[in-house]
Structure formats: structure tokens, C-alpha cells
Amino acid sequence: MISEKENRIRELEQALRESIRLTAEREVYASGREEASRQIEQQVCL
């Protein structure tokens, strides 16, 4: 039988994985926005 402590550890591990996934998605999104901003800036400066 899984103890309450082991269950809590699994819950926290899952929450940490989800947090890491969301952070990675945000970084990809932010990187895309930065690239788009650079492209617009280059177009405006031409």
C-alpha cells in the first residue's frame, strides 16, 4: 500500500513536471515574440 508520504511525493513530482513544462512553453513563446519583434524592427529601419 502506498503511504500518504509517498503519494504526496508523487503529487509534488507531477506538479514540478507540469511547472517545468509550462515554463519551457513560455520560453519558446517569448523567444518567438522576440524574433518577430526583431523582424519588424528591421523592416521599419529599412
N, C-alpha and C. Protein backbone atom coordinates (compact mmCIF):
# COMPACT_ATOMS: atom_id res chain seq x y z
N MET A 1 0.84 -1.19 0.00
CA MET A 1 0.00 0.00 0.00
C MET A 1 0.88 1.25 0.00
N ILE A 2 0.50 2.21 -0.82
CA ILE A 2 1.27 3.45 -0.92
C ILE A 2 0.97 4.32 0.30
N SER A 3 2.03 4.73 0.95
CA SER A 3 1.85 5.57 2.13
C SER A 3 1.44 6.98 1.71
N GLU A 4 0.91 7.71 2.66
CA GLU A 4 0.50 9.09 2.39
C GLU A 4 1.69 9.94 1.96
N LYS A 5 2.84 9.68 2.58
CA LYS A 5 4.05 10.43 2.24
C LYS A 5 4.47 10.15 0.79
N GLU A 6 4.47 8.88 0.39
CA GLU A 6 4.84 8.53 -0.98
C GLU A 6 3.87 9.14 -1.99
N ASN A 7 2.59 9.13 -1.64
CA ASN A 7 1.58 9.72 -2.50
C ASN A 7 1.83 11.22 -2.67
N ARG A 8 2.15 11.88 -1.58
CA ARG A 8 2.41 13.32 -1.62
C ARG A 8 3.65 13.61 -2.46
N ILE A 9 4.67 12.77 -2.34
CA ILE A 9 5.88 12.94 -3.14
C ILE A 9 5.55 12.83 -4.62
N ARG A 10 4.73 11.85 -4.98
CA ARG A 10 4.32 11.69 -6.39
C ARG A 10 3.54 12.91 -6.88
N GLU A 11 2.66 13.43 -6.04
CA GLU A 11 1.89 14.62 -6.41
C GLU A 11 2.82 15.81 -6.66
N LEU A 12 3.80 15.98 -5.77
CA LEU A 12 4.74 17.09 -5.92
C LEU A 12 5.62 16.92 -7.15
N GLU A 13 6.04 15.68 -7.42
CA GLU A 13 6.82 15.43 -8.63
C GLU A 13 6.02 15.78 -9.88
N GLN A 14 4.77 15.39 -9.89
CA GLN A 14 3.90 15.70 -11.03
C GLN A 14 3.72 17.21 -11.18
N ALA A 15 3.52 17.90 -10.07
CA ALA A 15 3.36 19.36 -10.12
C ALA A 15 4.64 20.03 -10.63
N LEU A 16 5.78 19.51 -10.22
CA LEU A 16 7.06 20.07 -10.67
C LEU A 16 7.23 19.85 -12.17
N ARG A 17 6.90 18.65 -12.66
CA ARG A 17 6.99 18.39 -14.10
C ARG A 17 6.10 19.34 -14.89
N GLU A 18 4.89 19.55 -14.39
CA GLU A 18 3.95 20.45 -15.06
C GLU A 18 4.49 21.89 -15.07
N SER A 19 5.06 22.31 -13.96
CA SER A 19 5.62 23.65 -13.87
C SER A 19 6.78 23.83 -14.86
N ILE A 20 7.63 22.82 -14.96
CA ILE A 20 8.76 22.87 -15.89
C ILE A 20 8.25 22.93 -17.32
N ARG A 21 7.23 22.13 -17.64
CA ARG A 21 6.66 22.12 -18.99
C ARG A 21 6.10 23.49 -19.35
N LEU A 22 5.35 24.09 -18.41
CA LEU A 22 4.76 25.40 -18.67
C LEU A 22 5.83 26.47 -18.85
N THR A 23 6.87 26.40 -18.03
CA THR A 23 7.97 27.36 -18.14
C THR A 23 8.66 27.23 -19.50
N ALA A 24 8.88 26.01 -19.94
CA ALA A 24 9.51 25.79 -21.24
C ALA A 24 8.63 26.34 -22.36
N GLU A 25 7.32 26.12 -22.27
CA GLU A 25 6.41 26.65 -23.29
C GLU A 25 6.45 28.17 -23.32
N ARG A 26 6.49 28.80 -22.16
CA ARG A 26 6.56 30.26 -22.10
C ARG A 26 7.85 30.78 -22.72
N GLU A 27 8.96 30.07 -22.46
CA GLU A 27 10.24 30.49 -23.03
C GLU A 27 10.22 30.39 -24.56
N VAL A 28 9.62 29.33 -25.08
CA VAL A 28 9.51 29.18 -26.54
C VAL A 28 8.66 30.32 -27.10
N TYR A 29 7.55 30.61 -26.45
CA TYR A 29 6.66 31.69 -26.90
C TYR A 29 7.39 33.04 -26.86
N ALA A 30 8.09 33.30 -25.76
CA ALA A 30 8.81 34.57 -25.62
C ALA A 30 9.90 34.69 -26.68
N SER A 31 10.58 33.60 -26.95
CA SER A 31 11.62 33.60 -27.97
C SER A 31 11.04 33.93 -29.34
N GLY A 32 9.88 33.36 -29.64
CA GLY A 32 9.21 33.65 -30.91
C GLY A 32 8.81 35.10 -31.01
N ARG A 33 8.33 35.67 -29.92
CA ARG A 33 7.94 37.08 -29.93
C ARG A 33 9.16 37.98 -30.12
N GLU A 34 10.27 37.62 -29.48
CA GLU A 34 11.49 38.41 -29.65
C GLU A 34 11.94 38.40 -31.11
N GLU A 35 11.89 37.23 -31.73
CA GLU A 35 12.29 37.12 -33.14
C GLU A 35 11.36 37.95 -34.02
N ALA A 36 10.06 37.88 -33.76
CA ALA A 36 9.09 38.66 -34.53
C ALA A 36 9.36 40.16 -34.35
N SER A 37 9.67 40.57 -33.14
CA SER A 37 9.97 41.98 -32.87
C SER A 37 11.21 42.42 -33.64
N ARG A 38 12.23 41.56 -33.68
CA ARG A 38 13.45 41.89 -34.42
C ARG A 38 13.15 42.06 -35.91
N GLN A 39 12.33 41.16 -36.44
CA GLN A 39 12.00 41.24 -37.86
C GLN A 39 11.23 42.52 -38.17
N ILE A 40 10.29 42.89 -37.32
CA ILE A 40 9.53 44.13 -37.52
C ILE A 40 10.46 45.33 -37.42
N GLU A 41 11.35 45.30 -36.44
CA GLU A 41 12.29 46.40 -36.27
C GLU A 41 13.16 46.56 -37.51
N GLN A 42 13.61 45.45 -38.08
CA GLN A 42 14.43 45.52 -39.30
C GLN A 42 13.63 46.10 -40.45
N GLN A 43 12.37 45.73 -40.57
CA GLN A 43 11.53 46.24 -41.64
C GLN A 43 11.30 47.75 -41.49
N VAL A 44 11.12 48.19 -40.27
CA VAL A 44 10.87 49.61 -40.00
C VAL A 44 12.13 50.43 -40.30
N CYS A 45 13.29 49.86 -40.01
CA CYS A 45 14.55 50.59 -40.19
C CYS A 45 15.00 50.63 -41.64
N LEU A 46 14.40 49.84 -42.51
CA LEU A 46 14.83 49.82 -43.92
C LEU A 46 14.35 51.01 -44.67
